[in-house]
Amino acid sequence: MKRVFGAKKNKEPPPTIQDATDECCLLYDSLIKWLLSRRRVTVDEKIKKLDAELARFREQIKKTRPGPAQEAVKARAMRIFKQRRMYEG
């Protein structure tokens, strides 16, 4: 009969609730780690962009004469500086 129908396969026991919970927790932890690392990368990129803008404003402040034009550039630089401080935490 084994030749005609084949032998019965050994079945693994079905997963328990604890196994499913453990696997779900591992997936959740890895997802959280990935999201946090991704957020860190985007924040670092934003800080670099803001630093570049601040450097550009510093050069403009050096080149402009004291007066309303220089004060306007300083005000924009302060806004960018506050954004940068917000990202640094």
C-alpha atoms as a PDB file:
ATOM      1  CA  MET A   1       0.000   0.000   0.000  1.00  0.00           C
ATOM      2  CA  LYS A   2       2.886   2.364   0.709  1.00  0.00           C
ATOM      3  CA  ARG A   3       3.981   2.038  -2.904  1.00  0.00           C
ATOM      4  CA  VAL A   4       0.582   3.090  -4.220  1.00  0.00           C
ATOM      5  CA  PHE A   5      -0.431   5.824  -1.795  1.00  0.00           C
ATOM      6  CA  GLY A   6       2.932   6.753  -0.300  1.00  0.00           C
ATOM      7  CA  ALA A   7       3.937   6.966   3.331  1.00  0.00           C
ATOM      8  CA  LYS A   8       2.291   9.308   5.821  1.00  0.00           C
ATOM      9  CA  LYS A   9       4.247  12.550   6.280  1.00  0.00           C
ATOM     10  CA  ASN A  10       5.331  13.642   9.712  1.00  0.00           C
ATOM     11  CA  LYS A  11       3.501  16.868  10.566  1.00  0.00           C
ATOM     12  CA  GLU A  12       5.019  19.531  12.742  1.00  0.00           C
ATOM     13  CA  PRO A  13       2.875  20.613  15.653  1.00  0.00           C
ATOM     14  CA  PRO A  14       0.898  23.794  14.940  1.00  0.00           C
ATOM     15  CA  PRO A  15       2.383  26.995  16.339  1.00  0.00           C
ATOM     16  CA  THR A  16       1.244  27.999  19.790  1.00  0.00           C
ATOM     17  CA  ILE A  17       0.017  31.420  20.790  1.00  0.00           C
ATOM     18  CA  GLN A  18       3.316  32.049  22.571  1.00  0.00           C
ATOM     19  CA  ASP A  19       5.273  31.283  19.381  1.00  0.00           C
ATOM     20  CA  ALA A  20       3.124  33.704  17.393  1.00  0.00           C
ATOM     21  CA  THR A  21       3.479  36.385  20.060  1.00  0.00           C
ATOM     22  CA  ASP A  22       7.260  36.012  20.168  1.00  0.00           C
ATOM     23  CA  GLU A  23       7.523  36.264  16.389  1.00  0.00           C
ATOM     24  CA  CYS A  24       5.251  39.312  16.348  1.00  0.00           C
ATOM     25  CA  CYS A  25       7.341  41.004  19.057  1.00  0.00           C
ATOM     26  CA  LEU A  26      10.542  40.373  17.107  1.00  0.00           C
ATOM     27  CA  LEU A  27       9.027  41.876  13.955  1.00  0.00           C
ATOM     28  CA  TYR A  28       7.706  44.858  15.909  1.00  0.00           C
ATOM     29  CA  ASP A  29      11.087  45.498  17.556  1.00  0.00           C
ATOM     30  CA  SER A  30      12.935  45.341  14.250  1.00  0.00           C
ATOM     31  CA  LEU A  31      10.399  47.711  12.660  1.00  0.00           C
ATOM     32  CA  ILE A  32      10.794  50.216  15.495  1.00  0.00           C
ATOM     33  CA  LYS A  33      14.603  50.077  15.230  1.00  0.00           C
ATOM     34  CA  TRP A  34      14.407  50.634  11.469  1.00  0.00           C
ATOM     35  CA  LEU A  35      12.038  53.586  11.847  1.00  0.00           C
ATOM     36  CA  LEU A  36      14.205  55.220  14.505  1.00  0.00           C
ATOM     37  CA  SER A  37      17.366  54.837  12.430  1.00  0.00           C
ATOM     38  CA  ARG A  38      15.549  56.235   9.378  1.00  0.00           C
ATOM     39  CA  ARG A  39      14.336  59.231  11.383  1.00  0.00           C
ATOM     40  CA  ARG A  40      17.849  59.869  12.664  1.00  0.00           C
ATOM     41  CA  VAL A  41      19.160  59.949   9.098  1.00  0.00           C
ATOM     42  CA  THR A  42      16.524  62.433   7.936  1.00  0.00           C
ATOM     43  CA  VAL A  43      17.114  64.694  10.953  1.00  0.00           C
ATOM     44  CA  ASP A  44      20.865  64.649  10.295  1.00  0.00           C
ATOM     45  CA  GLU A  45      20.231  65.595   6.662  1.00  0.00           C
ATOM     46  CA  LYS A  46      17.985  68.484   7.701  1.00  0.00           C
ATOM     47  CA  ILE A  47      20.578  69.759  10.166  1.00  0.00           C
ATOM     48  CA  LYS A  48      23.239  69.692   7.428  1.00  0.00           C
ATOM     49  CA  LYS A  49      20.983  71.715   5.107  1.00  0.00           C
ATOM     50  CA  LEU A  50      20.286  74.242   7.839  1.00  0.00           C
ATOM     51  CA  ASP A  51      24.028  74.521   8.584  1.00  0.00           C
ATOM     52  CA  ALA A  52      24.678  75.264   4.922  1.00  0.00           C
ATOM     53  CA  GLU A  53      22.016  77.983   4.944  1.00  0.00           C
ATOM     54  CA  LEU A  54      23.486  79.494   8.123  1.00  0.00           C
ATOM     55  CA  ALA A  55      26.933  79.612   6.519  1.00  0.00           C
ATOM     56  CA  ARG A  56      25.445  81.399   3.515  1.00  0.00           C
ATOM     57  CA  PHE A  57      23.729  83.934   5.797  1.00  0.00           C
ATOM     58  CA  ARG A  58      26.977  84.527   7.708  1.00  0.00           C
ATOM     59  CA  GLU A  59      28.691  85.429   4.443  1.00  0.00           C
ATOM     60  CA  GLN A  60      25.821  87.768   3.520  1.00  0.00           C
ATOM     61  CA  ILE A  61      25.992  89.470   6.925  1.00  0.00           C
ATOM     62  CA  LYS A  62      29.732  90.052   6.471  1.00  0.00           C
ATOM     63  CA  LYS A  63      29.223  91.552   2.995  1.00  0.00           C
ATOM     64  CA  THR A  64      26.273  93.858   3.744  1.00  0.00           C
ATOM     65  CA  ARG A  65      26.639  97.218   5.409  1.00  0.00           C
ATOM     66  CA  PRO A  66      25.027  97.844   8.790  1.00  0.00           C
ATOM     67  CA  GLY A  67      21.420  98.892   8.399  1.00  0.00           C
ATOM     68  CA  PRO A  68      18.021  97.452   7.461  1.00  0.00           C
ATOM     69  CA  ALA A  69      19.414  95.009   4.877  1.00  0.00           C
ATOM     70  CA  GLN A  70      21.817  93.476   7.360  1.00  0.00           C
ATOM     71  CA  GLU A  71      19.097  93.313  10.039  1.00  0.00           C
ATOM     72  CA  ALA A  72      16.799  91.446   7.622  1.00  0.00           C
ATOM     73  CA  VAL A  73      19.500  88.888   6.889  1.00  0.00           C
ATOM     74  CA  LYS A  74      20.156  88.513  10.626  1.00  0.00           C
ATOM     75  CA  ALA A  75      16.448  87.926  11.256  1.00  0.00           C
ATOM     76  CA  ARG A  76      16.340  85.173   8.603  1.00  0.00           C
ATOM     77  CA  ALA A  77      19.491  83.626  10.059  1.00  0.00           C
ATOM     78  CA  MET A  78      17.932  83.608  13.530  1.00  0.00           C
ATOM     79  CA  ARG A  79      14.849  81.801  12.202  1.00  0.00           C
ATOM     80  CA  ILE A  80      17.050  79.141  10.617  1.00  0.00           C
ATOM     81  CA  PHE A  81      19.122  78.890  13.794  1.00  0.00           C
ATOM     82  CA  LYS A  82      15.983  78.292  15.868  1.00  0.00           C
ATOM     83  CA  GLN A  83      14.888  75.537  13.460  1.00  0.00           C
ATOM     84  CA  ARG A  84      18.288  73.916  13.800  1.00  0.00           C
ATOM     85  CA  ARG A  85      18.115  74.015  17.599  1.00  0.00           C
ATOM     86  CA  MET A  86      14.663  72.413  17.444  1.00  0.00           C
ATOM     87  CA  TYR A  87      16.022  69.453  15.455  1.00  0.00           C
ATOM     88  CA  GLU A  88      19.007  68.994  17.749  1.00  0.00           C
ATOM     89  CA  GLY A  89      16.650  68.458  20.677  1.00  0.00           C
END
